[in-house]
Amino acid sequence: MLDTNPKLTKARRLREMLSSQSLEFLMEAHNGISSKIVEEAGFGGIWASGLSISAGYGVRDSNEASWTQVLEMLEFMSDATSIPILVDGDTGYGNFNNLRRAVQKLCQRQIAGICIEDKLFPKTNSFIGENQPLAEIEEFCGKIKAGKDSQTNDDFCLIARVEALISGWGMLEALKRAQAYYAAGADGILIHSKNSDGEEILNFLKEWGDRCPVIIVPTTYYATPTDRFRMAGTSIIIWANHNLRASISAMREVSRQIYREQSLSGVEGMITPVKDIFELVENAELARAEKVYLPQGEPDIQAVILAASRGSKLGDLTKDIPKCMIDIRGQPLLRRLASTFNQGNIKNITVVRGYKKETVNLPFIEYVDNDAYESTGEVSSLNAAIENLKNPSIIAYGDILFRHYILDQLLEAEGDIVLVVDALWRQKDSNPSSRTRDLVTCTEEFDSSYLGNEGVRLMNIAHDIPENEIHGEWIGLAKFSDVGIQKLREEIQKFSKSGGLETASMPDLFGRLLQSGSEIRVEYIAGHWLDVDNSGDLSEAQKFL
C-alpha cells in the first residue's frame, strides 16, 4: 500500500508510486488551480503535461514556451499542492547541459521527477505526423546520466520515454532502447503508442517483464480496460490531457451562450460559484494568518464536525472513502459543509475522522481521529476533539447539508446551548420510519408567524418519542456559547466516569445535559436541509444543490 505520510518528500512519494505493488495513477494539470482540483479529487500525483502547459500559454507543443516559463508555472503548481508532480520535460529542453540545469531547478522547487523523450529538439508532439526521427541511443543515454548526476534530491525520478512504437520503429527497437535507458540510470520507462487497441503496449509489457517500472499513457487506447494493464504489470497510468480538454469544452460552451444571449442568466446555474474559487485559492488561510498576525478582538466561533463513520448504507460508494467525502456535484460533501461555515465567517474548523481517515484531507482544516469509530458513537468522536472545544462552537454531523440562512439563524439565536430543529421532518421522505431520527419534544410547537417560537426550550430528545409528543427532528447542528462549552465538557467528563460514553449518541448527551439542569434552546426551521445517509439521499443532495 502506498505510504501517504505527509512527512515524506514529494520525490519520495513519487518513487514509492513507481515501486508500489498496486497500479497508481497520475492526472494531468497545467496550472495552480487545476493542480488543486487534481489533489482534491484524490489522485496521488500530478502529470504536468507539456501539451497542456503550452496550450495554456496559447502556443504550440514544440518548445515554443521556454523551459523557464514552464518552470515558473511548475513553481505555482508545486506551491499549490502537497502531492508529487512528474513533469513532461519533452526532450530535456536541449542537450545534456540544458537538462542538468533543468533538473537542479526542478529539485529546488520540490518537483518530484521529470520525463524526457528520445526525440530531437525542438520536439514535435507525438500525435502529429508519422515516422518522426529519434535521438541516437548513445546520446540519449548520456543525457539520462547527466540528469541523474545533477539531481540534488536522491529520490528525484527521471523517466525515459521511448518513442520507437509511436514513431513506427517497431517493437525490437523499443525494447532495445528501453533496456539501454534503464542501464543508463532511468528510474522507469514510459512506453508510448498511438494505436487504438492497446495491444502494442500489452505486447511490450509482456516482453519487458519486471525489469523496471513502466508508465503508460492510454490517450488513444482509452477503450482498453484498465484491468488489462494492471494484470500486465503496469506501474503508473497517466491521464494525460483531459483537464485541459474538459476546460476548453466548458469555456467554449459558456462563451458562446453568453455571446448569443447577451445575458448571464442562462449560465449562472451551470458554472462554479465564485466562492468555490475563493476556497480553491485558500482565502481561508489568509483569514487564519490574520488571526495570528493582526490584533484580535473577541474569540471567533469555531466548528467541530463529527465525520468518523463510513456510511455503510451507501454501499460501494463508501468502500474507499467515508461518506463525508462522497462527491456532491463535483465537490466532497465535507467541502460543501465547510464552505457553508466559511460563508458564515467560521474559519476555524476541526473534523473528527475515523473510517479511511487518510482520504479526509481537505486543506486548512484541523483533524483529530477516532480510530475506534467502528465500536464507538458520536459522543466518543466529540470527546476526541474535546481539547479543541475552547471558544464558542458549532457542532455538526459530517453528513448534512443546509441552506446558509439556517447557520445565520443559529448564530443569531440566544442561549448557551441551541439546537436546530426541523418542524417539517415528516415531509423529508415518504417513509418516515425508514431511518433513525433524532426526534424532539419542545415547550411549544412550531409557529410560522413572524414573532412565533421565541424562547422555545427542549424537553426531550430521543429516537423513539411517542408520535403525539414529537415536535420536530434535530438536524445535527448545534451551537454552544462559552458557558455551554463548559457545561458540555463537564458533562462529558462525568459521562466518562460513570460509563457508557463510548457508545453514546448525541441525543444521549443532550438528555444528560437536560437532567443536570441545563437549558437547551430550540431554533425551528421548515426544511431546507438534508442528511446523506443512503443512495436516495445522495440523489436528493444533487437536486438540493
Protein backbone atom coordinates (compact mmCIF):
# COMPACT_ATOMS: atom_id res chain seq x y z
CA MET A 1 0.00 0.00 0.00
CA LEU A 2 1.28 3.46 -0.90
CA ASP A 3 2.61 5.40 2.11
CA THR A 4 0.70 8.69 2.39
CA ASN A 5 2.85 10.01 5.26
CA PRO A 6 2.87 13.81 4.74
CA LYS A 7 6.42 13.98 6.17
CA LEU A 8 7.77 12.17 3.10
CA THR A 9 9.18 14.40 0.39
CA LYS A 10 7.20 14.66 -2.82
CA ALA A 11 10.01 12.94 -4.69
CA ARG A 12 9.96 10.04 -2.23
CA ARG A 13 6.22 9.64 -2.69
CA LEU A 14 6.60 9.50 -6.48
CA ARG A 15 9.35 6.90 -6.08
CA GLU A 16 7.02 4.84 -3.90
CA MET A 17 4.28 5.13 -6.53
CA LEU A 18 6.73 3.71 -9.08
CA SER A 19 7.57 0.75 -6.85
CA SER A 20 4.06 0.20 -5.48
CA GLN A 21 2.54 -3.26 -5.78
CA SER A 22 -0.71 -1.57 -6.84
CA LEU A 23 -1.39 0.28 -10.07
CA GLU A 24 -1.06 4.03 -9.48
CA PHE A 25 -2.45 7.00 -11.42
CA LEU A 26 -1.27 10.49 -12.35
CA MET A 27 -3.78 13.10 -13.52
CA GLU A 28 -2.93 15.96 -15.84
CA ALA A 29 -2.78 19.53 -14.57
CA HIS A 30 -1.44 22.64 -16.21
CA ASN A 31 -1.63 25.44 -13.62
CA GLY A 32 -2.13 26.02 -9.92
CA ILE A 33 -5.90 25.71 -9.78
CA SER A 34 -6.08 22.56 -11.93
CA SER A 35 -3.38 21.05 -9.69
CA LYS A 36 -5.52 21.77 -6.63
CA ILE A 37 -8.51 20.12 -8.31
CA VAL A 38 -6.45 17.00 -9.09
CA GLU A 39 -5.36 16.72 -5.45
CA GLU A 40 -8.89 17.39 -4.23
CA ALA A 41 -10.18 14.57 -6.45
CA GLY A 42 -7.94 12.13 -4.60
CA PHE A 43 -5.12 11.45 -7.07
CA GLY A 44 -1.75 10.58 -5.59
CA GLY A 45 0.21 12.59 -8.11
CA ILE A 46 0.12 15.09 -10.98
CA TRP A 47 1.29 14.86 -14.59
CA ALA A 48 2.45 18.33 -15.62
CA SER A 49 1.66 17.97 -19.29
CA GLY A 50 3.86 19.83 -21.75
CA LEU A 51 1.00 19.97 -24.23
CA SER A 52 -1.38 21.40 -21.65
CA ILE A 53 1.03 23.96 -20.22
CA SER A 54 1.97 25.12 -23.73
CA ALA A 55 -1.69 25.34 -24.73
CA GLY A 56 -2.39 27.32 -21.56
CA TYR A 57 0.14 29.87 -22.80
CA GLY A 58 -1.57 29.77 -26.20
CA VAL A 59 1.41 28.29 -28.05
CA ARG A 60 2.25 25.02 -29.78
CA ASP A 61 3.70 21.94 -28.08
CA SER A 62 7.00 22.46 -29.91
CA ASN A 63 9.13 24.06 -27.18
CA GLU A 64 7.65 27.46 -28.06
CA ALA A 65 7.15 28.03 -24.34
CA SER A 66 10.66 28.25 -22.92
CA TRP A 67 11.73 25.89 -20.18
CA THR A 68 11.96 28.82 -17.74
CA GLN A 69 8.31 29.70 -18.49
CA VAL A 70 7.37 26.09 -17.84
CA LEU A 71 9.44 26.18 -14.65
CA GLU A 72 7.62 29.27 -13.45
CA MET A 73 4.26 27.54 -13.90
CA LEU A 74 5.56 24.42 -12.15
CA GLU A 75 6.53 26.51 -9.14
CA PHE A 76 2.94 27.71 -8.78
CA MET A 77 1.68 24.14 -9.20
CA SER A 78 4.10 22.78 -6.60
CA ASP A 79 3.28 25.52 -4.09
CA ALA A 80 -0.44 24.88 -4.53
CA THR A 81 -0.35 21.15 -3.73
CA SER A 82 1.14 18.55 -1.43
CA ILE A 83 1.25 15.65 -3.90
CA PRO A 84 4.18 14.83 -6.22
CA ILE A 85 4.47 16.26 -9.73
CA LEU A 86 6.02 14.40 -12.64
CA VAL A 87 6.98 16.91 -15.34
CA ASP A 88 6.62 16.27 -19.04
CA GLY A 89 10.12 17.50 -19.87
CA ASP A 90 9.88 16.99 -23.65
CA THR A 91 13.41 16.19 -24.94
CA GLY A 92 15.09 17.75 -21.91
CA TYR A 93 14.93 21.31 -23.26
CA GLY A 94 18.08 20.85 -25.34
CA ASN A 95 21.21 18.77 -24.88
CA PHE A 96 22.63 17.18 -21.72
CA ASN A 97 23.71 20.56 -20.32
CA ASN A 98 20.24 22.08 -20.59
CA LEU A 99 18.83 19.04 -18.80
CA ARG A 100 21.37 19.30 -16.00
CA ARG A 101 20.29 22.83 -15.15
CA ALA A 102 16.59 21.98 -15.52
CA VAL A 103 16.90 19.06 -13.06
CA GLN A 104 18.66 21.25 -10.49
CA LYS A 105 15.94 23.89 -10.75
CA LEU A 106 13.17 21.29 -10.52
CA CYS A 107 14.69 19.87 -7.34
CA GLN A 108 14.81 23.36 -5.83
CA ARG A 109 11.07 23.69 -6.42
CA GLN A 110 10.21 20.29 -4.90
CA ILE A 111 9.21 18.80 -8.25
CA ALA A 112 9.29 15.02 -7.87
CA GLY A 113 10.51 13.94 -11.27
CA ILE A 114 10.94 14.60 -14.98
CA CYS A 115 10.09 12.51 -18.03
CA ILE A 116 12.24 13.04 -21.12
CA GLU A 117 11.59 11.55 -24.57
CA ASP A 118 14.10 10.26 -27.10
CA LYS A 119 13.22 12.64 -29.93
CA LEU A 120 15.08 15.60 -31.34
CA PHE A 121 14.99 19.18 -30.04
CA PRO A 122 12.82 21.14 -30.66
CA LYS A 123 10.24 18.43 -30.13
CA THR A 124 7.09 17.80 -32.16
CA ASN A 125 4.02 16.40 -30.45
CA SER A 126 3.90 12.63 -30.89
CA PHE A 127 0.42 12.68 -32.44
CA ILE A 128 1.49 14.97 -35.31
CA GLY A 129 2.88 13.32 -38.44
CA GLU A 130 4.49 9.91 -38.96
CA ASN A 131 7.96 8.38 -38.55
CA GLN A 132 9.45 11.20 -36.52
CA PRO A 133 13.25 10.99 -36.15
CA LEU A 134 14.61 9.76 -32.83
CA ALA A 135 17.72 10.67 -30.88
CA GLU A 136 20.75 8.41 -31.08
CA ILE A 137 20.67 5.88 -28.25
CA GLU A 138 24.17 6.72 -27.00
CA GLU A 139 23.44 10.46 -26.97
CA PHE A 140 20.16 9.97 -25.08
CA CYS A 141 21.82 7.66 -22.54
CA GLY A 142 24.35 10.41 -21.88
CA LYS A 143 21.51 12.82 -21.29
CA ILE A 144 19.96 10.40 -18.75
CA LYS A 145 23.27 10.08 -16.89
CA ALA A 146 23.69 13.87 -16.85
CA GLY A 147 20.22 14.31 -15.41
CA LYS A 148 20.73 11.72 -12.68
CA ASP A 149 24.13 13.16 -11.76
CA SER A 150 22.59 16.63 -11.39
CA GLN A 151 19.72 15.88 -9.04
CA THR A 152 20.07 17.32 -5.55
CA ASN A 153 17.37 15.06 -4.08
CA ASP A 154 18.28 11.37 -4.05
CA ASP A 155 14.62 10.42 -4.61
CA PHE A 156 14.12 12.63 -7.67
CA CYS A 157 12.91 10.42 -10.51
CA LEU A 158 13.99 10.53 -14.14
CA ILE A 159 11.70 8.65 -16.52
CA ALA A 160 12.84 7.79 -20.04
CA ARG A 161 10.07 7.94 -22.62
CA VAL A 162 10.53 5.55 -25.53
CA GLU A 163 9.03 6.82 -28.81
CA ALA A 164 10.01 3.86 -31.02
CA LEU A 165 6.48 2.41 -31.22
CA ILE A 166 4.68 5.68 -31.84
CA SER A 167 7.27 6.65 -34.49
CA GLY A 168 6.96 3.36 -36.35
CA TRP A 169 10.38 1.92 -35.46
CA GLY A 170 8.95 -1.36 -34.14
CA MET A 171 8.96 -3.49 -31.01
CA LEU A 172 12.56 -4.68 -31.16
CA GLU A 173 13.80 -1.10 -31.33
CA ALA A 174 11.51 -0.13 -28.43
CA LEU A 175 12.86 -2.94 -26.24
CA LYS A 176 16.45 -2.17 -27.25
CA ARG A 177 16.08 1.49 -26.33
CA ALA A 178 14.23 0.77 -23.08
CA GLN A 179 17.00 -1.58 -21.94
CA ALA A 180 19.70 0.94 -22.80
CA TYR A 181 17.92 3.77 -20.97
CA TYR A 182 17.33 1.61 -17.91
CA ALA A 183 21.02 0.63 -17.88
CA ALA A 184 21.93 4.33 -18.14
CA GLY A 185 20.12 5.05 -14.86
CA ALA A 186 16.48 5.82 -15.75
CA ASP A 187 14.15 5.19 -12.80
CA GLY A 188 11.37 4.00 -15.09
CA ILE A 189 10.32 3.63 -18.71
CA LEU A 190 7.36 5.38 -20.31
CA ILE A 191 6.29 3.45 -23.39
CA HIS A 192 4.08 5.32 -25.84
CA SER A 193 1.74 4.19 -28.63
CA LYS A 194 -0.98 5.79 -30.71
CA ASN A 195 -2.67 2.56 -31.76
CA SER A 196 -6.26 2.44 -30.59
CA ASP A 197 -6.43 -1.16 -29.32
CA GLY A 198 -3.65 -1.11 -26.70
CA GLU A 199 -2.23 -4.42 -27.93
CA GLU A 200 1.14 -2.86 -28.81
CA ILE A 201 1.55 -1.69 -25.22
CA LEU A 202 0.44 -5.03 -23.79
CA ASN A 203 2.95 -6.83 -26.01
CA PHE A 204 5.72 -4.52 -24.82
CA LEU A 205 4.80 -5.17 -21.18
CA LYS A 206 4.88 -8.92 -21.79
CA GLU A 207 8.30 -8.75 -23.44
CA TRP A 208 9.72 -6.28 -20.92
CA GLY A 209 8.66 -8.21 -17.84
CA ASP A 210 9.51 -6.60 -14.50
CA ARG A 211 12.95 -5.21 -15.28
CA CYS A 212 11.91 -1.76 -14.04
CA PRO A 213 8.71 0.27 -13.54
CA VAL A 214 6.71 1.02 -16.70
CA ILE A 215 4.42 4.01 -17.22
CA ILE A 216 1.79 4.18 -19.95
CA VAL A 217 -0.44 6.93 -21.39
CA PRO A 218 -3.68 5.44 -22.80
CA THR A 219 -4.89 8.58 -24.57
CA THR A 220 -5.60 6.79 -27.87
CA TYR A 221 -6.35 3.31 -26.49
CA TYR A 222 -8.69 4.55 -23.77
CA ALA A 223 -11.27 1.82 -24.51
CA THR A 224 -8.91 -0.93 -23.34
CA PRO A 225 -9.96 -1.92 -19.79
CA THR A 226 -7.58 -0.63 -17.14
CA ASP A 227 -7.52 -4.07 -15.50
CA ARG A 228 -5.68 -5.47 -18.53
CA PHE A 229 -2.80 -3.10 -17.89
CA ARG A 230 -2.98 -3.80 -14.18
CA MET A 231 -2.67 -7.54 -14.82
CA ALA A 232 0.19 -6.92 -17.25
CA GLY A 233 2.28 -5.24 -14.55
CA THR A 234 1.95 -1.55 -15.38
CA SER A 235 3.26 0.66 -12.57
CA ILE A 236 1.58 4.01 -13.35
CA ILE A 237 -1.08 5.18 -15.77
CA ILE A 238 -1.11 8.83 -16.82
CA TRP A 239 -4.38 10.53 -17.79
CA ALA A 240 -2.53 12.98 -19.96
CA ASN A 241 -4.59 15.98 -21.11
CA HIS A 242 -8.18 15.56 -20.02
CA ASN A 243 -8.48 18.50 -17.63
CA LEU A 244 -7.30 20.85 -20.37
CA ARG A 245 -9.70 19.33 -22.90
CA ALA A 246 -12.59 19.47 -20.41
CA SER A 247 -11.91 23.13 -19.66
CA ILE A 248 -11.82 24.02 -23.37
CA SER A 249 -15.21 22.39 -23.93
CA ALA A 250 -16.73 24.15 -20.93
CA MET A 251 -15.29 27.58 -21.80
CA ARG A 252 -16.47 27.33 -25.40
CA GLU A 253 -19.98 26.41 -24.34
CA VAL A 254 -20.26 29.21 -21.79
CA SER A 255 -18.66 31.85 -24.01
CA ARG A 256 -20.91 31.02 -26.95
CA GLN A 257 -24.04 31.02 -24.80
CA ILE A 258 -23.24 34.39 -23.20
CA TYR A 259 -22.40 35.85 -26.62
CA ARG A 260 -25.62 34.52 -28.09
CA GLU A 261 -27.94 35.50 -25.21
CA GLN A 262 -26.15 38.68 -24.08
CA SER A 263 -27.06 37.64 -20.56
CA LEU A 264 -25.64 35.61 -17.66
CA SER A 265 -28.98 34.21 -16.50
CA GLY A 266 -28.72 31.10 -18.67
CA VAL A 267 -25.29 30.03 -17.48
CA GLU A 268 -25.08 31.09 -13.83
CA GLY A 269 -26.68 27.89 -12.58
CA MET A 270 -24.32 25.62 -14.53
CA ILE A 271 -20.93 27.11 -13.64
CA THR A 272 -18.87 27.05 -10.48
CA PRO A 273 -19.80 29.72 -7.90
CA VAL A 274 -17.20 32.40 -7.25
CA LYS A 275 -16.99 31.23 -3.63
CA ASP A 276 -15.57 27.91 -4.88
CA ILE A 277 -12.71 29.82 -6.48
CA PHE A 278 -12.04 31.54 -3.16
CA GLU A 279 -11.92 28.13 -1.49
CA LEU A 280 -9.60 26.62 -4.07
CA VAL A 281 -7.15 29.51 -3.78
CA GLU A 282 -7.41 29.19 0.01
CA ASN A 283 -8.72 32.54 1.12
CA ALA A 284 -9.37 30.82 4.45
CA GLU A 285 -5.61 30.58 5.02
CA LEU A 286 -5.36 34.36 4.83
CA ALA A 287 -8.11 34.65 7.44
CA ARG A 288 -6.15 32.28 9.69
CA ALA A 289 -2.98 34.30 9.18
CA GLU A 290 -4.82 37.49 10.08
CA LYS A 291 -5.70 35.92 13.43
CA VAL A 292 -2.02 35.22 14.07
CA TYR A 293 -0.50 38.48 12.85
CA LEU A 294 -3.19 41.13 13.31
CA PRO A 295 -4.75 42.39 16.57
CA GLN A 296 -7.80 40.35 17.54
CA GLY A 297 -10.93 41.18 19.47
CA GLU A 298 -13.31 38.60 20.88
CA PRO A 299 -12.50 34.94 20.03
CA ASP A 300 -14.18 33.74 16.86
CA ILE A 301 -16.72 30.96 16.88
CA GLN A 302 -15.36 27.61 15.74
CA ALA A 303 -16.87 24.44 14.29
CA VAL A 304 -16.41 20.77 15.13
CA ILE A 305 -17.66 18.28 12.51
CA LEU A 306 -18.27 14.66 13.53
CA ALA A 307 -17.35 12.60 10.45
CA ALA A 308 -15.84 9.34 11.69
CA SER A 309 -18.37 6.88 10.30
CA ARG A 310 -18.25 5.05 6.99
CA GLY A 311 -21.86 5.39 5.87
CA SER A 312 -22.37 1.71 5.08
CA LYS A 313 -25.87 2.27 3.65
CA LEU A 314 -24.18 3.91 0.65
CA GLY A 315 -22.66 0.54 -0.26
CA ASP A 316 -19.70 0.51 -2.63
CA LEU A 317 -19.67 4.32 -2.78
CA THR A 318 -18.01 4.27 0.63
CA LYS A 319 -15.74 1.31 0.02
CA ASP A 320 -12.67 3.54 -0.31
CA ILE A 321 -13.85 6.83 1.25
CA PRO A 322 -16.16 7.80 4.14
CA LYS A 323 -19.49 9.35 3.30
CA CYS A 324 -18.27 12.82 4.27
CA MET A 325 -16.04 12.66 1.16
CA ILE A 326 -18.79 11.46 -1.21
CA ASP A 327 -18.93 13.60 -4.35
CA ILE A 328 -21.85 16.02 -4.41
CA ARG A 329 -21.94 17.68 -7.82
CA GLY A 330 -18.19 17.92 -8.16
CA GLN A 331 -17.19 18.53 -4.53
CA PRO A 332 -16.85 16.33 -1.45
CA LEU A 333 -19.78 16.67 0.95
CA LEU A 334 -17.35 17.82 3.64
CA ARG A 335 -16.05 20.64 1.45
CA ARG A 336 -19.61 21.87 0.90
CA LEU A 337 -20.27 21.79 4.64
CA ALA A 338 -17.01 23.61 5.38
CA SER A 339 -17.88 26.14 2.67
CA THR A 340 -21.17 26.92 4.40
CA PHE A 341 -19.28 27.54 7.63
CA ASN A 342 -16.73 29.72 5.82
CA GLN A 343 -19.56 31.83 4.40
CA GLY A 344 -20.71 32.38 7.97
CA ASN A 345 -17.17 33.60 8.78
CA ILE A 346 -16.35 30.38 10.64
CA LYS A 347 -12.81 29.58 9.54
CA ASN A 348 -11.60 27.51 12.49
CA ILE A 349 -12.91 24.03 11.67
CA THR A 350 -11.99 20.72 13.31
CA VAL A 351 -13.07 17.44 11.74
CA VAL A 352 -13.17 14.15 13.65
CA ARG A 353 -12.09 11.41 11.23
CA GLY A 354 -12.29 7.64 11.51
CA TYR A 355 -13.04 5.36 8.56
CA LYS A 356 -10.46 5.72 5.76
CA LYS A 357 -9.14 8.77 7.58
CA GLU A 358 -6.25 9.30 5.17
CA THR A 359 -8.77 10.26 2.46
CA VAL A 360 -10.23 13.06 4.59
CA ASN A 361 -7.57 15.60 3.73
CA LEU A 362 -9.07 18.93 2.73
CA PRO A 363 -6.66 21.85 3.32
CA PHE A 364 -6.90 24.35 6.18
CA ILE A 365 -8.98 22.09 8.39
CA GLU A 366 -7.66 20.66 11.64
CA TYR A 367 -8.14 16.92 12.12
CA VAL A 368 -8.44 14.66 15.14
CA ASP A 369 -9.01 10.93 14.86
CA ASN A 370 -11.41 8.46 16.42
CA ASP A 371 -9.66 5.24 15.47
CA ALA A 372 -12.24 3.24 17.42
CA TYR A 373 -15.04 4.54 15.17
CA GLU A 374 -16.44 1.05 14.48
CA SER A 375 -17.24 0.35 18.15
CA THR A 376 -17.99 3.86 19.44
CA GLY A 377 -20.65 6.52 18.99
CA GLU A 378 -20.92 10.23 18.32
CA VAL A 379 -20.05 11.34 21.85
CA SER A 380 -16.81 9.39 21.71
CA SER A 381 -15.94 11.25 18.49
CA LEU A 382 -16.80 14.55 20.15
CA ASN A 383 -14.62 13.59 23.12
CA ALA A 384 -11.71 13.08 20.71
CA ALA A 385 -11.99 16.79 19.89
CA ILE A 386 -12.55 17.93 23.47
CA GLU A 387 -9.26 19.84 23.63
CA ASN A 388 -10.34 21.84 20.58
CA LEU A 389 -13.56 22.98 22.29
CA LYS A 390 -12.32 26.23 23.82
CA ASN A 391 -14.25 29.01 22.11
CA PRO A 392 -17.96 29.32 21.35
CA SER A 393 -18.60 26.43 18.97
CA ILE A 394 -20.88 24.94 16.36
CA ILE A 395 -21.09 21.16 16.48
CA ALA A 396 -22.36 19.40 13.36
CA TYR A 397 -22.76 15.95 11.89
CA GLY A 398 -20.49 15.39 8.90
CA ASP A 399 -23.21 14.16 6.53
CA ILE A 400 -25.57 17.15 6.47
CA LEU A 401 -26.21 19.97 4.02
CA PHE A 402 -28.28 23.03 4.80
CA ARG A 403 -29.09 26.42 3.37
CA HIS A 404 -26.86 29.24 4.55
CA TYR A 405 -29.66 31.15 6.26
CA ILE A 406 -30.02 28.30 8.77
CA LEU A 407 -26.47 28.92 10.01
CA ASP A 408 -27.18 32.67 10.21
CA GLN A 409 -30.32 31.95 12.23
CA LEU A 410 -28.39 29.69 14.60
CA LEU A 411 -25.56 32.17 15.09
CA GLU A 412 -28.04 34.92 16.00
CA ALA A 413 -30.03 32.71 18.39
CA GLU A 414 -29.85 33.41 22.12
CA GLY A 415 -28.93 30.71 24.60
CA ASP A 416 -25.90 28.83 25.86
CA ILE A 417 -26.94 25.64 24.07
CA VAL A 418 -29.12 25.88 20.95
CA LEU A 419 -30.33 23.08 18.67
CA VAL A 420 -31.68 23.49 15.14
CA VAL A 421 -34.94 21.51 14.80
CA ASP A 422 -36.88 20.83 11.60
CA ALA A 423 -40.60 21.17 12.29
CA LEU A 424 -41.44 19.67 8.88
CA TRP A 425 -39.48 16.49 9.45
CA ARG A 426 -42.33 14.27 8.29
CA GLN A 427 -42.06 15.69 4.78
CA LYS A 428 -38.44 14.59 4.32
CA ASP A 429 -39.42 11.28 2.72
CA SER A 430 -42.44 9.11 2.09
CA ASN A 431 -41.45 6.58 4.74
CA PRO A 432 -40.63 8.43 8.00
CA SER A 433 -39.75 5.17 9.76
CA SER A 434 -37.09 4.29 7.17
CA ARG A 435 -34.25 5.81 9.19
CA THR A 436 -33.22 6.56 12.75
CA ARG A 437 -34.10 10.15 13.61
CA ASP A 438 -33.15 12.44 16.49
CA LEU A 439 -36.71 13.38 17.45
CA VAL A 440 -37.54 16.12 19.95
CA THR A 441 -40.28 17.36 22.26
CA CYS A 442 -40.24 21.09 22.98
CA THR A 443 -42.08 23.54 25.20
CA GLU A 444 -44.00 24.80 22.13
CA GLU A 445 -44.94 23.50 18.72
CA PHE A 446 -43.70 25.27 15.60
CA ASP A 447 -45.41 28.60 14.93
CA SER A 448 -44.93 30.04 11.46
CA SER A 449 -45.94 33.59 12.46
CA TYR A 450 -43.37 36.39 12.43
CA LEU A 451 -42.90 36.52 16.21
CA GLY A 452 -43.56 32.85 16.91
CA ASN A 453 -41.27 30.43 18.76
CA GLU A 454 -39.07 32.85 20.65
CA GLY A 455 -37.51 31.19 23.68
CA VAL A 456 -38.58 27.61 22.84
CA ARG A 457 -36.81 25.05 25.04
CA LEU A 458 -36.00 21.40 24.56
CA MET A 459 -37.89 18.95 26.79
CA ASN A 460 -36.80 15.60 25.39
CA ILE A 461 -34.65 14.19 22.58
CA ALA A 462 -34.59 10.53 21.59
CA HIS A 463 -35.10 8.14 18.70
CA ASP A 464 -38.39 6.72 19.99
CA ILE A 465 -40.60 9.59 21.22
CA PRO A 466 -44.37 8.84 21.02
CA GLU A 467 -45.95 10.24 17.84
CA ASN A 468 -48.21 12.72 19.62
CA GLU A 469 -45.25 14.24 21.50
CA ILE A 470 -42.95 14.83 18.50
CA HIS A 471 -42.41 18.48 17.62
CA GLY A 472 -39.58 18.01 15.12
CA GLU A 473 -36.23 16.45 14.25
CA TRP A 474 -32.84 17.72 15.35
CA ILE A 475 -30.86 18.14 12.11
CA GLY A 476 -27.41 17.51 13.59
CA LEU A 477 -26.48 21.17 14.11
CA ALA A 478 -26.00 22.88 17.48
CA LYS A 479 -24.39 25.99 18.96
CA PHE A 480 -22.62 26.32 22.31
CA SER A 481 -21.57 29.56 23.99
CA ASP A 482 -18.55 29.73 26.28
CA VAL A 483 -20.82 28.72 29.14
CA GLY A 484 -22.39 26.00 27.02
CA ILE A 485 -18.97 24.60 26.11
CA GLN A 486 -18.02 24.46 29.78
CA LYS A 487 -21.22 22.57 30.60
CA LEU A 488 -20.57 20.22 27.69
CA ARG A 489 -17.01 19.47 28.83
CA GLU A 490 -18.15 18.84 32.41
CA GLU A 491 -20.95 16.53 31.27
CA ILE A 492 -18.64 14.52 29.00
CA GLN A 493 -16.21 14.16 31.90
CA LYS A 494 -18.99 12.88 34.20
CA PHE A 495 -20.25 10.62 31.40
CA SER A 496 -16.78 9.13 31.04
CA LYS A 497 -16.51 8.38 34.75
CA SER A 498 -19.96 6.82 35.01
CA GLY A 499 -19.50 4.61 31.95
CA GLY A 500 -21.37 4.35 28.68
CA LEU A 501 -19.70 7.25 26.90
CA GLU A 502 -18.10 5.03 24.23
CA THR A 503 -21.38 4.02 22.62
CA ALA A 504 -23.42 7.14 23.46
CA SER A 505 -25.18 9.23 20.84
CA MET A 506 -25.54 12.99 20.81
CA PRO A 507 -29.20 12.70 21.94
CA ASP A 508 -27.88 10.72 24.96
CA LEU A 509 -25.56 13.61 25.77
CA PHE A 510 -28.27 16.25 25.38
CA GLY A 511 -30.52 14.14 27.60
CA ARG A 512 -27.90 14.15 30.35
CA LEU A 513 -27.49 17.91 29.99
CA LEU A 514 -31.24 18.32 30.47
CA GLN A 515 -31.19 16.07 33.54
CA SER A 516 -28.35 18.11 35.06
CA GLY A 517 -30.49 21.26 34.77
CA SER A 518 -29.02 22.84 31.64
CA GLU A 519 -31.41 24.84 29.49
CA ILE A 520 -31.30 23.90 25.83
CA ARG A 521 -32.92 26.32 23.40
CA VAL A 522 -34.52 25.33 20.09
CA GLU A 523 -34.45 27.17 16.77
CA TYR A 524 -37.18 25.84 14.48
CA ILE A 525 -36.70 25.65 10.73
CA ALA A 526 -39.04 24.45 7.99
CA GLY A 527 -36.97 22.15 5.78
CA HIS A 528 -34.12 23.32 3.54
CA TRP A 529 -31.65 20.74 4.83
CA LEU A 530 -30.86 17.07 4.32
CA ASP A 531 -28.60 14.32 5.57
CA VAL A 532 -26.85 11.98 3.16
CA ASP A 533 -27.47 8.52 4.55
CA ASN A 534 -28.27 6.35 1.51
CA SER A 535 -28.39 6.44 -2.29
CA GLY A 536 -31.79 8.15 -2.25
CA ASP A 537 -30.39 10.92 -0.08
CA LEU A 538 -27.44 11.26 -2.45
CA SER A 539 -29.82 11.77 -5.35
CA GLU A 540 -31.70 14.38 -3.35
CA ALA A 541 -28.43 16.12 -2.50
CA GLN A 542 -27.67 16.54 -6.20
CA LYS A 543 -31.07 18.20 -6.62
CA PHE A 544 -30.63 20.23 -3.43
CA LEU A 545 -27.64 21.99 -4.99
